[in-house]
Amino acid sequence: MVVDCGTQMNSANAVAVETAEAAVLVTTPDVVAVRAAKRMVRMWDRLQIRKPQDITVAVNRYTRARRSNLADRPHYGDEGRHFRHPGRVQGAPGRR
């Protein structure tokens, strides 16, 4: 199960993060977002919700300029080729 806790911390989010098997904090590579992620990790530690070493941080980067067709991308497991994000998958929830 995946729970999106958003950027605000409340008692329900704290319980979800504390009892979760794994905590993944997703951020973007801009300075403001990275600082906010760092503050969140410190707050979780200070409130004894989750230790920093038990948190995985994922840096997510997406721009509309990089959108392309899935057929243009290599398949998983291709040797010597790198997988690049295929863009928005049809039918997936997200911004429009």
N, C-alpha and C. Protein backbone atom coordinates (compact mmCIF):
# COMPACT_ATOMS: atom_id res chain seq x y z
N MET A 1 0.84 -1.16 0.00
CA MET A 1 0.00 0.00 0.00
C MET A 1 0.90 1.24 0.00
N VAL A 2 0.51 2.23 -0.75
CA VAL A 2 1.24 3.50 -0.82
C VAL A 2 0.34 4.59 -0.26
N VAL A 3 0.88 5.38 0.66
CA VAL A 3 0.13 6.48 1.24
C VAL A 3 0.85 7.78 0.90
N ASP A 4 0.15 8.69 0.24
CA ASP A 4 0.71 10.00 -0.09
C ASP A 4 0.36 10.94 1.04
N CYS A 5 1.35 11.30 1.84
CA CYS A 5 1.11 12.15 3.01
C CYS A 5 1.17 13.63 2.69
N GLY A 6 1.59 13.98 1.51
CA GLY A 6 1.67 15.39 1.14
C GLY A 6 2.78 16.11 1.89
N THR A 7 2.68 17.43 1.94
CA THR A 7 3.74 18.22 2.57
C THR A 7 3.39 18.66 3.98
N GLN A 8 2.15 18.49 4.38
CA GLN A 8 1.72 18.88 5.73
C GLN A 8 1.79 17.67 6.66
N MET A 9 2.20 17.91 7.91
CA MET A 9 2.27 16.83 8.89
C MET A 9 1.11 16.98 9.87
N ASN A 10 0.35 15.90 10.02
CA ASN A 10 -0.71 15.86 11.03
C ASN A 10 -0.63 14.50 11.71
N SER A 11 -1.49 14.24 12.66
CA SER A 11 -1.40 12.99 13.43
C SER A 11 -1.62 11.76 12.55
N ALA A 12 -2.51 11.83 11.57
CA ALA A 12 -2.75 10.69 10.69
C ALA A 12 -1.52 10.39 9.83
N ASN A 13 -0.89 11.43 9.29
CA ASN A 13 0.33 11.25 8.50
C ASN A 13 1.45 10.69 9.37
N ALA A 14 1.56 11.20 10.59
CA ALA A 14 2.62 10.73 11.50
C ALA A 14 2.47 9.24 11.78
N VAL A 15 1.25 8.80 12.02
CA VAL A 15 1.01 7.38 12.28
C VAL A 15 1.33 6.55 11.04
N ALA A 16 0.95 7.05 9.87
CA ALA A 16 1.22 6.32 8.62
C ALA A 16 2.72 6.15 8.41
N VAL A 17 3.49 7.22 8.59
CA VAL A 17 4.94 7.18 8.39
C VAL A 17 5.59 6.30 9.45
N GLU A 18 5.13 6.41 10.68
CA GLU A 18 5.73 5.66 11.79
C GLU A 18 5.49 4.16 11.65
N THR A 19 4.33 3.75 11.20
CA THR A 19 4.01 2.32 11.13
C THR A 19 4.33 1.69 9.78
N ALA A 20 4.72 2.49 8.82
CA ALA A 20 5.01 1.96 7.48
C ALA A 20 6.26 1.09 7.50
N GLU A 21 6.25 0.09 6.63
CA GLU A 21 7.42 -0.78 6.47
C GLU A 21 8.58 0.01 5.87
N ALA A 22 8.27 0.92 4.96
CA ALA A 22 9.30 1.75 4.32
C ALA A 22 8.73 3.15 4.13
N ALA A 23 9.61 4.14 4.24
CA ALA A 23 9.21 5.53 4.01
C ALA A 23 10.05 6.09 2.88
N VAL A 24 9.37 6.55 1.83
CA VAL A 24 10.04 7.16 0.68
C VAL A 24 9.56 8.60 0.60
N LEU A 25 10.50 9.52 0.72
CA LEU A 25 10.19 10.94 0.63
C LEU A 25 10.56 11.39 -0.78
N VAL A 26 9.56 11.82 -1.53
CA VAL A 26 9.77 12.21 -2.92
C VAL A 26 9.90 13.73 -3.00
N THR A 27 10.93 14.19 -3.71
CA THR A 27 11.18 15.61 -3.86
C THR A 27 11.64 15.89 -5.29
N THR A 28 11.71 17.16 -5.63
CA THR A 28 12.26 17.56 -6.92
C THR A 28 13.64 18.16 -6.69
N PRO A 29 14.46 18.31 -7.72
CA PRO A 29 15.83 18.75 -7.51
C PRO A 29 16.02 20.25 -7.28
N ASP A 30 14.94 21.02 -7.17
CA ASP A 30 15.13 22.45 -6.93
C ASP A 30 15.44 22.71 -5.45
N VAL A 31 16.12 23.79 -5.18
CA VAL A 31 16.63 24.11 -3.84
C VAL A 31 15.51 24.16 -2.80
N VAL A 32 14.41 24.81 -3.12
CA VAL A 32 13.31 24.96 -2.17
C VAL A 32 12.76 23.59 -1.76
N ALA A 33 12.56 22.70 -2.72
CA ALA A 33 12.01 21.38 -2.43
C ALA A 33 12.99 20.52 -1.63
N VAL A 34 14.27 20.60 -1.95
CA VAL A 34 15.27 19.82 -1.22
C VAL A 34 15.35 20.30 0.23
N ARG A 35 15.29 21.59 0.45
CA ARG A 35 15.29 22.12 1.82
C ARG A 35 14.06 21.67 2.58
N ALA A 36 12.91 21.68 1.93
CA ALA A 36 11.67 21.23 2.57
C ALA A 36 11.77 19.75 2.94
N ALA A 37 12.35 18.95 2.06
CA ALA A 37 12.53 17.52 2.35
C ALA A 37 13.45 17.33 3.55
N LYS A 38 14.51 18.11 3.60
CA LYS A 38 15.45 18.03 4.72
C LYS A 38 14.75 18.40 6.03
N ARG A 39 13.92 19.45 6.00
CA ARG A 39 13.16 19.84 7.19
C ARG A 39 12.21 18.73 7.63
N MET A 40 11.59 18.06 6.66
CA MET A 40 10.65 16.97 6.97
C MET A 40 11.39 15.81 7.65
N VAL A 41 12.56 15.45 7.13
CA VAL A 41 13.35 14.37 7.72
C VAL A 41 13.73 14.74 9.16
N ARG A 42 14.17 15.97 9.36
CA ARG A 42 14.53 16.42 10.71
C ARG A 42 13.34 16.41 11.65
N MET A 43 12.17 16.81 11.15
CA MET A 43 10.98 16.81 11.99
C MET A 43 10.59 15.39 12.38
N TRP A 44 10.63 14.46 11.41
CA TRP A 44 10.31 13.06 11.73
C TRP A 44 11.25 12.52 12.79
N ASP A 45 12.52 12.90 12.70
CA ASP A 45 13.50 12.45 13.69
C ASP A 45 13.23 13.09 15.05
N ARG A 46 12.99 14.39 15.06
CA ARG A 46 12.75 15.11 16.31
C ARG A 46 11.50 14.59 17.02
N LEU A 47 10.45 14.26 16.26
CA LEU A 47 9.21 13.75 16.84
C LEU A 47 9.24 12.23 17.06
N GLN A 48 10.39 11.63 16.76
CA GLN A 48 10.60 10.18 16.91
C GLN A 48 9.59 9.38 16.08
N ILE A 49 9.30 9.89 14.90
CA ILE A 49 8.40 9.18 13.96
C ILE A 49 9.20 8.17 13.15
N ARG A 50 10.35 8.61 12.64
CA ARG A 50 11.22 7.73 11.84
C ARG A 50 12.63 8.30 11.86
N LYS A 51 13.62 7.42 11.99
CA LYS A 51 15.02 7.83 12.00
C LYS A 51 15.47 8.16 10.59
N PRO A 52 16.36 9.15 10.44
CA PRO A 52 16.83 9.55 9.09
C PRO A 52 17.43 8.40 8.29
N GLN A 53 18.14 7.49 8.93
CA GLN A 53 18.75 6.38 8.19
C GLN A 53 17.70 5.37 7.69
N ASP A 54 16.46 5.49 8.15
CA ASP A 54 15.39 4.59 7.71
C ASP A 54 14.50 5.22 6.65
N ILE A 55 14.93 6.35 6.10
CA ILE A 55 14.14 7.07 5.10
C ILE A 55 14.87 7.03 3.76
N THR A 56 14.14 6.72 2.71
CA THR A 56 14.68 6.77 1.35
C THR A 56 14.17 8.05 0.70
N VAL A 57 15.07 8.82 0.12
CA VAL A 57 14.68 10.05 -0.57
C VAL A 57 14.80 9.80 -2.07
N ALA A 58 13.71 10.05 -2.79
CA ALA A 58 13.68 9.90 -4.25
C ALA A 58 13.57 11.28 -4.88
N VAL A 59 14.48 11.59 -5.78
CA VAL A 59 14.44 12.87 -6.48
C VAL A 59 13.74 12.65 -7.82
N ASN A 60 12.62 13.31 -7.99
CA ASN A 60 11.77 13.14 -9.16
C ASN A 60 11.93 14.36 -10.06
N ARG A 61 12.20 14.12 -11.33
CA ARG A 61 12.37 15.23 -12.27
C ARG A 61 11.57 14.92 -13.53
N TYR A 62 10.69 15.82 -13.89
CA TYR A 62 9.86 15.64 -15.08
C TYR A 62 9.61 17.00 -15.71
N THR A 63 9.82 17.10 -16.99
CA THR A 63 9.48 18.31 -17.72
C THR A 63 8.71 17.92 -18.97
N ARG A 64 7.80 18.73 -19.37
CA ARG A 64 7.00 18.43 -20.58
C ARG A 64 7.88 18.35 -21.82
N ALA A 65 9.00 19.06 -21.82
CA ALA A 65 9.89 19.05 -22.98
C ALA A 65 10.49 17.67 -23.22
N ARG A 66 10.55 16.83 -22.20
CA ARG A 66 11.14 15.50 -22.33
C ARG A 66 10.13 14.42 -22.71
N ARG A 67 8.89 14.78 -22.95
CA ARG A 67 7.87 13.78 -23.30
C ARG A 67 8.19 13.14 -24.64
N SER A 68 7.93 11.87 -24.74
CA SER A 68 8.14 11.17 -26.00
C SER A 68 7.32 9.90 -26.02
N ASN A 69 7.41 9.18 -27.09
CA ASN A 69 6.68 7.94 -27.28
C ASN A 69 7.41 6.79 -26.60
N LEU A 70 6.67 5.86 -26.00
CA LEU A 70 7.28 4.69 -25.36
C LEU A 70 8.09 3.86 -26.35
N ALA A 71 7.69 3.87 -27.61
CA ALA A 71 8.39 3.08 -28.62
C ALA A 71 9.81 3.58 -28.85
N ASP A 72 10.08 4.84 -28.49
CA ASP A 72 11.41 5.42 -28.66
C ASP A 72 12.38 5.02 -27.55
N ARG A 73 11.89 4.35 -26.53
CA ARG A 73 12.71 4.05 -25.36
C ARG A 73 13.17 2.59 -25.37
N PRO A 74 14.34 2.33 -24.80
CA PRO A 74 14.82 0.95 -24.72
C PRO A 74 13.97 0.13 -23.76
N HIS A 75 14.02 -1.16 -23.90
CA HIS A 75 13.28 -2.07 -23.02
C HIS A 75 14.09 -2.35 -21.78
N TYR A 76 13.40 -2.69 -20.70
CA TYR A 76 14.09 -3.05 -19.47
C TYR A 76 15.02 -4.23 -19.75
N GLY A 77 16.22 -4.17 -19.20
CA GLY A 77 17.16 -5.28 -19.34
C GLY A 77 18.07 -5.17 -20.55
N ASP A 78 17.88 -4.18 -21.42
CA ASP A 78 18.77 -4.01 -22.57
C ASP A 78 20.16 -3.66 -22.07
N GLU A 79 21.15 -4.39 -22.48
CA GLU A 79 22.52 -4.15 -22.06
C GLU A 79 23.07 -2.92 -22.78
N GLY A 80 23.79 -2.09 -22.05
CA GLY A 80 24.46 -0.94 -22.66
C GLY A 80 23.56 0.22 -22.97
N ARG A 81 22.29 0.14 -22.62
CA ARG A 81 21.36 1.23 -22.88
C ARG A 81 20.75 1.68 -21.57
N HIS A 82 20.44 2.95 -21.45
CA HIS A 82 19.87 3.49 -20.22
C HIS A 82 18.38 3.70 -20.40
N PHE A 83 17.61 3.39 -19.38
CA PHE A 83 16.19 3.65 -19.41
C PHE A 83 15.96 5.11 -19.08
N ARG A 84 15.14 5.77 -19.85
CA ARG A 84 14.75 7.15 -19.57
C ARG A 84 13.26 7.19 -19.34
N HIS A 85 12.80 8.11 -18.50
CA HIS A 85 11.39 8.21 -18.17
C HIS A 85 10.57 8.38 -19.44
N PRO A 86 9.53 7.57 -19.63
CA PRO A 86 8.75 7.62 -20.86
C PRO A 86 7.76 8.76 -20.94
N GLY A 87 7.64 9.56 -19.89
CA GLY A 87 6.63 10.61 -19.89
C GLY A 87 5.38 10.09 -19.20
N ARG A 88 4.31 10.78 -19.34
CA ARG A 88 3.07 10.40 -18.66
C ARG A 88 2.47 9.18 -19.33
N VAL A 89 2.15 8.19 -18.53
CA VAL A 89 1.53 6.97 -19.03
C VAL A 89 0.04 7.22 -19.17
N GLN A 90 -0.51 6.82 -20.29
CA GLN A 90 -1.93 7.07 -20.55
C GLN A 90 -2.78 6.40 -19.48
N GLY A 91 -3.72 7.15 -18.92
CA GLY A 91 -4.61 6.63 -17.91
C GLY A 91 -4.08 6.76 -16.49
N ALA A 92 -2.83 7.17 -16.33
CA ALA A 92 -2.25 7.31 -14.99
C ALA A 92 -2.70 8.63 -14.39
N PRO A 93 -2.94 8.63 -13.08
CA PRO A 93 -3.35 9.88 -12.44
C PRO A 93 -2.19 10.87 -12.44
N GLY A 94 -2.49 12.14 -12.44
CA GLY A 94 -1.45 13.15 -12.42
C GLY A 94 -1.96 14.47 -12.90
N ARG A 95 -1.05 15.41 -13.03
CA ARG A 95 -1.43 16.74 -13.49
C ARG A 95 -1.73 16.72 -14.97
N ARG A 96 -2.59 17.61 -15.38
CA ARG A 96 -2.93 17.73 -16.81
C ARG A 96 -2.49 19.05 -17.32
